[in-house]
Amino acid sequence: MALLPRERCDTDGIDGAAEVAGAMVDGTTRARAAKAGYPLAEALRRCDGHGFFAALGDQIVTGPTLTNVNDLRAILIR
């Protein structure tokens, strides 16, 4: 059985009109958000991914990379 890497990142450097390309998430994200006073459930209710990850300092800002990377992941589990 192959183990999948826990971290992944691919980006074209921007997300729509925002300079933020994405964000990093790991096993500490929810607890750090709660400690910062911005619980995950509240961010989801408000549809506020940008504010949520900005509050945690977990946004990825690369600037335009001038590449075209698709936002699709497919994982086959047998």
N, C-alpha and C. Protein backbone atom coordinates (compact mmCIF):
# COMPACT_ATOMS: atom_id res chain seq x y z
N MET A 1 0.84 -1.16 0.00
CA MET A 1 0.00 0.00 0.00
C MET A 1 0.90 1.24 0.00
N ALA A 2 0.62 2.16 -0.90
CA ALA A 2 1.39 3.40 -0.99
C ALA A 2 0.77 4.46 -0.08
N LEU A 3 1.61 5.21 0.59
CA LEU A 3 1.14 6.31 1.41
C LEU A 3 1.19 7.59 0.59
N LEU A 4 0.16 8.39 0.70
CA LEU A 4 0.11 9.66 -0.01
C LEU A 4 0.79 10.74 0.82
N PRO A 5 1.48 11.67 0.17
CA PRO A 5 2.07 12.77 0.92
C PRO A 5 0.98 13.57 1.62
N ARG A 6 1.29 14.14 2.75
CA ARG A 6 0.29 14.88 3.53
C ARG A 6 0.14 16.32 3.06
N GLU A 7 1.15 16.88 2.43
CA GLU A 7 1.06 18.26 1.97
C GLU A 7 1.10 18.28 0.46
N ARG A 8 0.29 19.15 -0.12
CA ARG A 8 0.30 19.34 -1.56
C ARG A 8 0.11 20.82 -1.83
N CYS A 9 0.70 21.30 -2.89
CA CYS A 9 0.49 22.69 -3.27
C CYS A 9 0.73 22.82 -4.77
N ASP A 10 -0.24 23.35 -5.46
CA ASP A 10 -0.04 23.73 -6.85
C ASP A 10 -0.85 24.99 -7.10
N THR A 11 -0.32 25.89 -7.88
CA THR A 11 -0.98 27.17 -8.04
C THR A 11 -0.52 27.87 -9.30
N ASP A 12 -1.39 28.73 -9.82
CA ASP A 12 -0.96 29.62 -10.89
C ASP A 12 -0.62 30.99 -10.32
N GLY A 13 -0.61 31.09 -8.99
CA GLY A 13 -0.17 32.30 -8.32
C GLY A 13 -1.27 33.25 -7.90
N ILE A 14 -2.48 33.06 -8.41
CA ILE A 14 -3.59 33.94 -8.05
C ILE A 14 -4.86 33.12 -7.93
N ASP A 15 -5.83 33.63 -7.22
CA ASP A 15 -7.13 32.99 -7.09
C ASP A 15 -8.17 34.03 -7.49
N GLY A 16 -8.57 34.00 -8.75
CA GLY A 16 -9.49 35.02 -9.25
C GLY A 16 -8.81 36.37 -9.25
N ALA A 17 -9.44 37.35 -8.62
CA ALA A 17 -8.88 38.70 -8.58
C ALA A 17 -8.01 38.93 -7.36
N ALA A 18 -7.92 37.95 -6.47
CA ALA A 18 -7.15 38.11 -5.23
C ALA A 18 -5.69 37.75 -5.45
N GLU A 19 -4.81 38.33 -4.66
CA GLU A 19 -3.39 38.00 -4.76
C GLU A 19 -3.06 36.70 -4.05
N VAL A 20 -4.01 36.17 -3.30
CA VAL A 20 -3.79 34.93 -2.55
C VAL A 20 -3.98 33.74 -3.47
N ALA A 21 -2.99 32.87 -3.52
CA ALA A 21 -3.04 31.71 -4.39
C ALA A 21 -3.73 30.52 -3.74
N GLY A 22 -3.78 30.48 -2.45
CA GLY A 22 -4.36 29.35 -1.73
C GLY A 22 -3.99 29.44 -0.26
N ALA A 23 -4.01 28.30 0.41
CA ALA A 23 -3.69 28.27 1.83
C ALA A 23 -3.18 26.89 2.22
N MET A 24 -2.47 26.85 3.32
CA MET A 24 -1.98 25.59 3.87
C MET A 24 -2.91 25.15 5.00
N VAL A 25 -3.22 23.87 5.02
CA VAL A 25 -4.07 23.28 6.06
C VAL A 25 -3.36 22.05 6.59
N ASP A 26 -3.36 21.89 7.89
CA ASP A 26 -2.81 20.67 8.48
C ASP A 26 -3.60 20.30 9.72
N GLY A 27 -3.12 19.36 10.45
CA GLY A 27 -3.83 18.86 11.62
C GLY A 27 -3.96 19.86 12.76
N THR A 28 -3.25 20.98 12.68
CA THR A 28 -3.33 21.99 13.74
C THR A 28 -4.25 23.15 13.39
N THR A 29 -4.74 23.20 12.16
CA THR A 29 -5.49 24.35 11.68
C THR A 29 -6.70 24.67 12.55
N ARG A 30 -7.52 23.69 12.82
CA ARG A 30 -8.75 23.94 13.58
C ARG A 30 -8.45 24.45 14.99
N ALA A 31 -7.50 23.84 15.67
CA ALA A 31 -7.17 24.25 17.03
C ALA A 31 -6.55 25.65 17.06
N ARG A 32 -5.68 25.95 16.10
CA ARG A 32 -5.08 27.29 16.05
C ARG A 32 -6.12 28.35 15.77
N ALA A 33 -7.10 28.03 14.93
CA ALA A 33 -8.18 28.98 14.62
C ALA A 33 -9.02 29.24 15.85
N ALA A 34 -9.37 28.20 16.58
CA ALA A 34 -10.16 28.37 17.80
C ALA A 34 -9.41 29.22 18.82
N LYS A 35 -8.11 28.96 18.96
CA LYS A 35 -7.29 29.73 19.91
C LYS A 35 -7.20 31.20 19.49
N ALA A 36 -7.20 31.45 18.16
CA ALA A 36 -7.13 32.82 17.65
C ALA A 36 -8.49 33.53 17.72
N GLY A 37 -9.53 32.79 18.14
CA GLY A 37 -10.85 33.39 18.27
C GLY A 37 -11.63 33.42 16.97
N TYR A 38 -11.24 32.58 16.02
CA TYR A 38 -11.95 32.52 14.75
C TYR A 38 -12.20 31.06 14.40
N PRO A 39 -13.19 30.44 15.02
CA PRO A 39 -13.42 29.01 14.83
C PRO A 39 -13.80 28.67 13.38
N LEU A 40 -13.41 27.49 12.98
CA LEU A 40 -13.65 27.00 11.62
C LEU A 40 -15.12 27.05 11.25
N ALA A 41 -16.00 26.64 12.16
CA ALA A 41 -17.44 26.63 11.85
C ALA A 41 -17.94 28.03 11.49
N GLU A 42 -17.43 29.05 12.15
CA GLU A 42 -17.82 30.42 11.85
C GLU A 42 -17.33 30.84 10.47
N ALA A 43 -16.11 30.48 10.13
CA ALA A 43 -15.57 30.80 8.81
C ALA A 43 -16.38 30.12 7.72
N LEU A 44 -16.75 28.87 7.95
CA LEU A 44 -17.57 28.15 6.97
C LEU A 44 -18.95 28.78 6.84
N ARG A 45 -19.55 29.15 7.95
CA ARG A 45 -20.87 29.78 7.92
C ARG A 45 -20.83 31.08 7.13
N ARG A 46 -19.75 31.83 7.26
CA ARG A 46 -19.62 33.11 6.58
C ARG A 46 -19.01 32.99 5.19
N CYS A 47 -18.64 31.76 4.78
CA CYS A 47 -17.95 31.56 3.48
C CYS A 47 -16.73 32.48 3.38
N ASP A 48 -15.92 32.48 4.43
CA ASP A 48 -14.80 33.41 4.53
C ASP A 48 -13.47 32.69 4.63
N GLY A 49 -13.09 32.00 3.57
CA GLY A 49 -11.80 31.33 3.56
C GLY A 49 -10.64 32.32 3.61
N HIS A 50 -10.76 33.43 2.87
CA HIS A 50 -9.67 34.41 2.86
C HIS A 50 -9.41 34.97 4.25
N GLY A 51 -10.46 35.40 4.94
CA GLY A 51 -10.30 35.94 6.28
C GLY A 51 -9.79 34.91 7.27
N PHE A 52 -10.29 33.69 7.15
CA PHE A 52 -9.89 32.60 8.04
C PHE A 52 -8.40 32.34 7.94
N PHE A 53 -7.92 32.13 6.71
CA PHE A 53 -6.50 31.80 6.54
C PHE A 53 -5.59 33.00 6.75
N ALA A 54 -6.10 34.21 6.50
CA ALA A 54 -5.32 35.41 6.82
C ALA A 54 -5.12 35.52 8.32
N ALA A 55 -6.16 35.24 9.10
CA ALA A 55 -6.07 35.32 10.56
C ALA A 55 -5.03 34.35 11.11
N LEU A 56 -4.86 33.22 10.42
CA LEU A 56 -3.89 32.21 10.87
C LEU A 56 -2.50 32.41 10.28
N GLY A 57 -2.38 33.29 9.29
CA GLY A 57 -1.10 33.46 8.61
C GLY A 57 -0.78 32.31 7.69
N ASP A 58 -1.80 31.60 7.22
CA ASP A 58 -1.59 30.40 6.41
C ASP A 58 -1.89 30.60 4.93
N GLN A 59 -2.07 31.85 4.50
CA GLN A 59 -2.30 32.09 3.08
C GLN A 59 -1.00 31.86 2.30
N ILE A 60 -1.15 31.43 1.06
CA ILE A 60 -0.01 31.28 0.16
C ILE A 60 -0.09 32.42 -0.84
N VAL A 61 0.92 33.28 -0.84
CA VAL A 61 0.98 34.41 -1.76
C VAL A 61 2.29 34.27 -2.54
N THR A 62 2.18 33.90 -3.80
CA THR A 62 3.37 33.70 -4.63
C THR A 62 3.56 34.80 -5.65
N GLY A 63 2.49 35.53 -5.93
CA GLY A 63 2.50 36.42 -7.08
C GLY A 63 2.26 35.56 -8.32
N PRO A 64 1.86 36.18 -9.42
CA PRO A 64 1.57 35.41 -10.63
C PRO A 64 2.79 34.59 -11.08
N THR A 65 2.56 33.32 -11.37
CA THR A 65 3.64 32.44 -11.84
C THR A 65 3.62 32.28 -13.35
N LEU A 66 2.57 32.80 -13.98
CA LEU A 66 2.41 32.74 -15.44
C LEU A 66 2.31 31.31 -15.95
N THR A 67 1.79 30.43 -15.09
CA THR A 67 1.50 29.05 -15.50
C THR A 67 0.01 28.84 -15.40
N ASN A 68 -0.47 27.78 -15.96
CA ASN A 68 -1.89 27.46 -15.88
C ASN A 68 -2.03 26.09 -15.25
N VAL A 69 -2.26 26.07 -13.96
CA VAL A 69 -2.37 24.82 -13.21
C VAL A 69 -3.85 24.56 -12.93
N ASN A 70 -4.31 23.37 -13.23
CA ASN A 70 -5.71 23.02 -12.97
C ASN A 70 -5.94 22.78 -11.49
N ASP A 71 -7.14 23.10 -11.04
CA ASP A 71 -7.52 22.88 -9.64
C ASP A 71 -8.30 21.58 -9.50
N LEU A 72 -7.71 20.49 -9.90
CA LEU A 72 -8.37 19.20 -9.84
C LEU A 72 -7.42 18.17 -9.26
N ARG A 73 -7.91 17.41 -8.32
CA ARG A 73 -7.15 16.29 -7.77
C ARG A 73 -8.00 15.04 -7.88
N ALA A 74 -7.42 13.99 -8.33
CA ALA A 74 -8.12 12.71 -8.38
C ALA A 74 -7.26 11.69 -7.65
N ILE A 75 -7.86 10.99 -6.72
CA ILE A 75 -7.15 9.99 -5.95
C ILE A 75 -7.89 8.68 -6.09
N LEU A 76 -7.19 7.66 -6.51
CA LEU A 76 -7.77 6.33 -6.64
C LEU A 76 -7.43 5.54 -5.39
N ILE A 77 -8.46 5.05 -4.72
CA ILE A 77 -8.27 4.22 -3.54
C ILE A 77 -8.80 2.84 -3.86
N ARG A 78 -7.96 1.86 -3.74
CA ARG A 78 -8.36 0.47 -4.03
C ARG A 78 -8.54 -0.32 -2.78
